[in-house]
PDB file of N, CA and C in Angstrom:
ATOM      1  N   MET A   1      10.922   7.166   2.326  1.00  0.00           N
ATOM      2  CA  MET A   1       9.727   7.548   2.118  1.00  0.00           C
ATOM      3  C   MET A   1       9.322   7.287   4.353  1.00  0.00           C
ATOM      4  N   GLU A   2       8.537   8.242   4.559  1.00  0.00           N
ATOM      5  CA  GLU A   2       8.232   8.049   6.081  1.00  0.00           C
ATOM      6  C   GLU A   2       7.245   8.055   6.020  1.00  0.00           C
ATOM      7  N   VAL A   3       6.610   7.077   6.743  1.00  0.00           N
ATOM      8  CA  VAL A   3       5.284   6.189   6.249  1.00  0.00           C
ATOM      9  C   VAL A   3       5.152   6.602   8.342  1.00  0.00           C
ATOM     10  N   ASN A   4       4.032   6.963   8.271  1.00  0.00           N
ATOM     11  CA  ASN A   4       2.828   7.097   9.753  1.00  0.00           C
ATOM     12  C   ASN A   4       1.627   6.513  10.045  1.00  0.00           C
ATOM     13  N   THR A   5       1.461   5.350  11.044  1.00  0.00           N
ATOM     14  CA  THR A   5       0.416   4.216  10.606  1.00  0.00           C
ATOM     15  C   THR A   5      -0.997   5.185  10.386  1.00  0.00           C
ATOM     16  N   ALA A   6      -1.782   5.271   9.851  1.00  0.00           N
ATOM     17  CA  ALA A   6      -2.994   5.550   9.702  1.00  0.00           C
ATOM     18  C   ALA A   6      -2.996   7.002   8.375  1.00  0.00           C
ATOM     19  N   ASP A   7      -1.503   6.993   7.449  1.00  0.00           N
ATOM     20  CA  ASP A   7      -1.520   7.511   6.614  1.00  0.00           C
ATOM     21  C   ASP A   7      -1.612   7.246   5.485  1.00  0.00           C
ATOM     22  N   VAL A   8      -2.363   7.256   4.346  1.00  0.00           N
ATOM     23  CA  VAL A   8      -2.631   6.798   2.895  1.00  0.00           C
ATOM     24  C   VAL A   8      -2.144   6.949   2.156  1.00  0.00           C
ATOM     25  N   VAL A   9      -1.234   6.028   1.794  1.00  0.00           N
ATOM     26  CA  VAL A   9      -0.882   6.061   0.370  1.00  0.00           C
ATOM     27  C   VAL A   9      -0.125   5.593  -1.013  1.00  0.00           C
ATOM     28  N   LEU A  10       0.334   5.934  -1.873  1.00  0.00           N
ATOM     29  CA  LEU A  10      -0.202   5.233  -3.295  1.00  0.00           C
ATOM     30  C   LEU A  10       1.152   3.646  -3.219  1.00  0.00           C
ATOM     31  N   CYS A  11       0.370   2.631  -3.001  1.00  0.00           N
ATOM     32  CA  CYS A  11       1.622   1.865  -3.805  1.00  0.00           C
ATOM     33  C   CYS A  11       1.496   1.011  -4.743  1.00  0.00           C
ATOM     34  N   GLY A  12       1.987   0.705  -6.144  1.00  0.00           N
ATOM     35  CA  GLY A  12       2.390   0.123  -7.294  1.00  0.00           C
ATOM     36  C   GLY A  12       1.883  -2.270  -7.118  1.00  0.00           C
ATOM     37  N   PHE A  13       0.322  -2.320  -7.404  1.00  0.00           N
ATOM     38  CA  PHE A  13      -0.310  -3.348  -7.631  1.00  0.00           C
ATOM     39  C   PHE A  13       0.157  -3.829  -8.262  1.00  0.00           C
ATOM     40  N   TYR A  14       0.553  -5.198  -9.258  1.00  0.00           N
ATOM     41  CA  TYR A  14       0.678  -6.104 -10.450  1.00  0.00           C
ATOM     42  C   TYR A  14      -0.582  -6.627 -10.667  1.00  0.00           C
ATOM     43  N   PHE A  15      -1.215  -6.421 -12.054  1.00  0.00           N
ATOM     44  CA  PHE A  15      -2.571  -7.496 -12.440  1.00  0.00           C
ATOM     45  C   PHE A  15      -1.377  -8.499 -12.248  1.00  0.00           C
ATOM     46  N   GLY A  16      -2.045  -9.304 -13.288  1.00  0.00           N
ATOM     47  CA  GLY A  16      -2.192 -10.821 -13.824  1.00  0.00           C
ATOM     48  C   GLY A  16      -0.982 -11.155 -14.234  1.00  0.00           C
ATOM     49  N   ASP A  17      -0.736 -10.433 -15.263  1.00  0.00           N
ATOM     50  CA  ASP A  17       0.261 -10.973 -16.845  1.00  0.00           C
ATOM     51  C   ASP A  17       1.958 -10.619 -15.322  1.00  0.00           C
ATOM     52  N   LEU A  18       1.952  -9.476 -14.226  1.00  0.00           N
ATOM     53  CA  LEU A  18       2.944  -9.425 -13.775  1.00  0.00           C
ATOM     54  C   LEU A  18       3.554  -8.969 -13.780  1.00  0.00           C
ATOM     55  N   LYS A  19       3.993  -7.791 -14.930  1.00  0.00           N
ATOM     56  CA  LYS A  19       4.369  -6.954 -15.806  1.00  0.00           C
ATOM     57  C   LYS A  19       3.837  -5.339 -15.862  1.00  0.00           C
ATOM     58  N   THR A  20       2.665  -4.805 -16.036  1.00  0.00           N
ATOM     59  CA  THR A  20       2.481  -3.660 -15.299  1.00  0.00           C
ATOM     60  C   THR A  20       1.799  -3.700 -14.271  1.00  0.00           C
ATOM     61  N   THR A  21       1.483  -2.334 -13.376  1.00  0.00           N
ATOM     62  CA  THR A  21       1.177  -1.806 -12.445  1.00  0.00           C
ATOM     63  C   THR A  21       0.732  -0.560 -12.736  1.00  0.00           C
ATOM     64  N   LYS A  22      -0.315  -0.749 -10.693  1.00  0.00           N
ATOM     65  CA  LYS A  22      -1.496   0.478 -11.483  1.00  0.00           C
ATOM     66  C   LYS A  22      -1.598   1.098  -9.947  1.00  0.00           C
ATOM     67  N   ASN A  23      -0.928   2.346  -9.725  1.00  0.00           N
ATOM     68  CA  ASN A  23      -0.787   2.774  -8.353  1.00  0.00           C
ATOM     69  C   ASN A  23      -2.611   3.044  -7.261  1.00  0.00           C
ATOM     70  N   ARG A  24      -2.720   2.196  -6.506  1.00  0.00           N
ATOM     71  CA  ARG A  24      -4.145   2.828  -5.226  1.00  0.00           C
ATOM     72  C   ARG A  24      -3.696   2.291  -4.171  1.00  0.00           C
ATOM     73  N   PRO A  25      -4.544   3.394  -3.382  1.00  0.00           N
ATOM     74  CA  PRO A  25      -3.933   4.321  -2.009  1.00  0.00           C
ATOM     75  C   PRO A  25      -3.814   2.591  -1.038  1.00  0.00           C
ATOM     76  N   VAL A  26      -3.341   2.684  -0.382  1.00  0.00           N
ATOM     77  CA  VAL A  26      -3.421   1.445   0.865  1.00  0.00           C
ATOM     78  C   VAL A  26      -3.587   2.780   2.111  1.00  0.00           C
ATOM     79  N   LEU A  27      -3.808   1.776   2.809  1.00  0.00           N
ATOM     80  CA  LEU A  27      -3.859   2.730   4.813  1.00  0.00           C
ATOM     81  C   LEU A  27      -3.214   2.291   5.576  1.00  0.00           C
ATOM     82  N   VAL A  28      -2.092   2.978   5.625  1.00  0.00           N
ATOM     83  CA  VAL A  28      -0.572   2.307   6.289  1.00  0.00           C
ATOM     84  C   VAL A  28      -2.087   1.745   8.602  1.00  0.00           C
ATOM     85  N   LEU A  29      -0.960   0.864   8.598  1.00  0.00           N
ATOM     86  CA  LEU A  29      -1.732   0.186   9.770  1.00  0.00           C
ATOM     87  C   LEU A  29      -0.932   0.120  10.883  1.00  0.00           C
ATOM     88  N   LYS A  30       0.189  -0.168  10.312  1.00  0.00           N
ATOM     89  CA  LYS A  30       0.963  -0.667  11.422  1.00  0.00           C
ATOM     90  C   LYS A  30       3.121  -0.400  10.414  1.00  0.00           C
ATOM     91  N   ASN A  31       3.109   0.351  11.191  1.00  0.00           N
ATOM     92  CA  ASN A  31       4.604   1.472   9.952  1.00  0.00           C
ATOM     93  C   ASN A  31       6.173   0.787  10.981  1.00  0.00           C
ATOM     94  N   ASN A  32       6.259   0.462  12.288  1.00  0.00           N
ATOM     95  CA  ASN A  32       7.688  -0.125  12.339  1.00  0.00           C
ATOM     96  C   ASN A  32       7.680  -1.042  12.331  1.00  0.00           C
ATOM     97  N   LEU A  33       8.424  -1.659  11.633  1.00  0.00           N
ATOM     98  CA  LEU A  33       8.618  -2.636  11.019  1.00  0.00           C
ATOM     99  C   LEU A  33      10.235  -2.701  11.023  1.00  0.00           C
ATOM    100  N   PRO A  34      11.176  -3.252  10.196  1.00  0.00           N
ATOM    101  CA  PRO A  34      11.724  -4.028  10.180  1.00  0.00           C
ATOM    102  C   PRO A  34      12.107  -3.505   8.938  1.00  0.00           C
ATOM    103  N   TYR A  35      13.428  -2.691   8.016  1.00  0.00           N
ATOM    104  CA  TYR A  35      13.662  -2.458   6.693  1.00  0.00           C
ATOM    105  C   TYR A  35      12.872  -1.582   5.795  1.00  0.00           C
ATOM    106  N   HIS A  36      12.068  -0.675   7.330  1.00  0.00           N
ATOM    107  CA  HIS A  36      10.966   0.623   6.385  1.00  0.00           C
ATOM    108  C   HIS A  36      10.130  -0.258   5.549  1.00  0.00           C
ATOM    109  N   ASP A  37       9.691  -1.297   6.161  1.00  0.00           N
ATOM    110  CA  ASP A  37       8.568  -2.141   5.573  1.00  0.00           C
ATOM    111  C   ASP A  37       7.311  -1.744   6.477  1.00  0.00           C
ATOM    112  N   PHE A  38       5.911  -1.883   5.868  1.00  0.00           N
ATOM    113  CA  PHE A  38       4.235  -1.281   6.628  1.00  0.00           C
ATOM    114  C   PHE A  38       3.629  -2.566   6.416  1.00  0.00           C
ATOM    115  N   VAL A  39       2.503  -2.620   7.405  1.00  0.00           N
ATOM    116  CA  VAL A  39       1.326  -3.060   7.162  1.00  0.00           C
ATOM    117  C   VAL A  39       0.388  -2.272   6.678  1.00  0.00           C
ATOM    118  N   GLY A  40      -0.108  -2.723   5.828  1.00  0.00           N
ATOM    119  CA  GLY A  40      -1.029  -1.536   5.245  1.00  0.00           C
ATOM    120  C   GLY A  40      -2.754  -2.646   4.488  1.00  0.00           C
ATOM    121  N   ILE A  41      -3.283  -1.754   4.389  1.00  0.00           N
ATOM    122  CA  ILE A  41      -4.654  -2.632   3.814  1.00  0.00           C
ATOM    123  C   ILE A  41      -5.438  -1.886   2.503  1.00  0.00           C
ATOM    124  N   LEU A  42      -5.238  -2.473   1.639  1.00  0.00           N
ATOM    125  CA  LEU A  42      -6.305  -1.841   0.460  1.00  0.00           C
ATOM    126  C   LEU A  42      -7.855  -0.705   0.411  1.00  0.00           C
ATOM    127  N   ILE A  43      -7.466   0.810  -0.066  1.00  0.00           N
ATOM    128  CA  ILE A  43      -8.388   0.979   0.173  1.00  0.00           C
ATOM    129  C   ILE A  43      -9.514   1.187  -0.931  1.00  0.00           C
ATOM    130  N   SER A  44     -11.140   0.578  -0.774  1.00  0.00           N
ATOM    131  CA  SER A  44     -11.521   0.611  -2.579  1.00  0.00           C
ATOM    132  C   SER A  44     -12.839   0.692  -2.060  1.00  0.00           C
ATOM    133  N   SER A  45     -12.847   1.236  -4.095  1.00  0.00           N
ATOM    134  CA  SER A  45     -15.482   1.923  -3.019  1.00  0.00           C
ATOM    135  C   SER A  45     -15.272   0.899  -4.454  1.00  0.00           C
ATOM    136  N   LYS A  46     -14.980  -0.525  -4.926  1.00  0.00           N
ATOM    137  CA  LYS A  46     -15.851  -1.865  -5.049  1.00  0.00           C
ATOM    138  C   LYS A  46     -16.429  -2.295  -3.355  1.00  0.00           C
ATOM    139  N   ASN A  47     -17.265  -2.937  -3.841  1.00  0.00           N
ATOM    140  CA  ASN A  47     -18.285  -4.058  -2.546  1.00  0.00           C
ATOM    141  C   ASN A  47     -17.557  -5.405  -3.489  1.00  0.00           C
TER     142      ASN A  47
END
């Protein structure tokens, strides 16, 4: 999957039991890392 800076993508985050995940939106901050990695920050409506 191709991602660019400022894209919003869904990433799976594990719960405390490390068995189940939930997709959460992430804002891509930097995308030009090796092995198709990127740096992102979780988007949340919780304070």
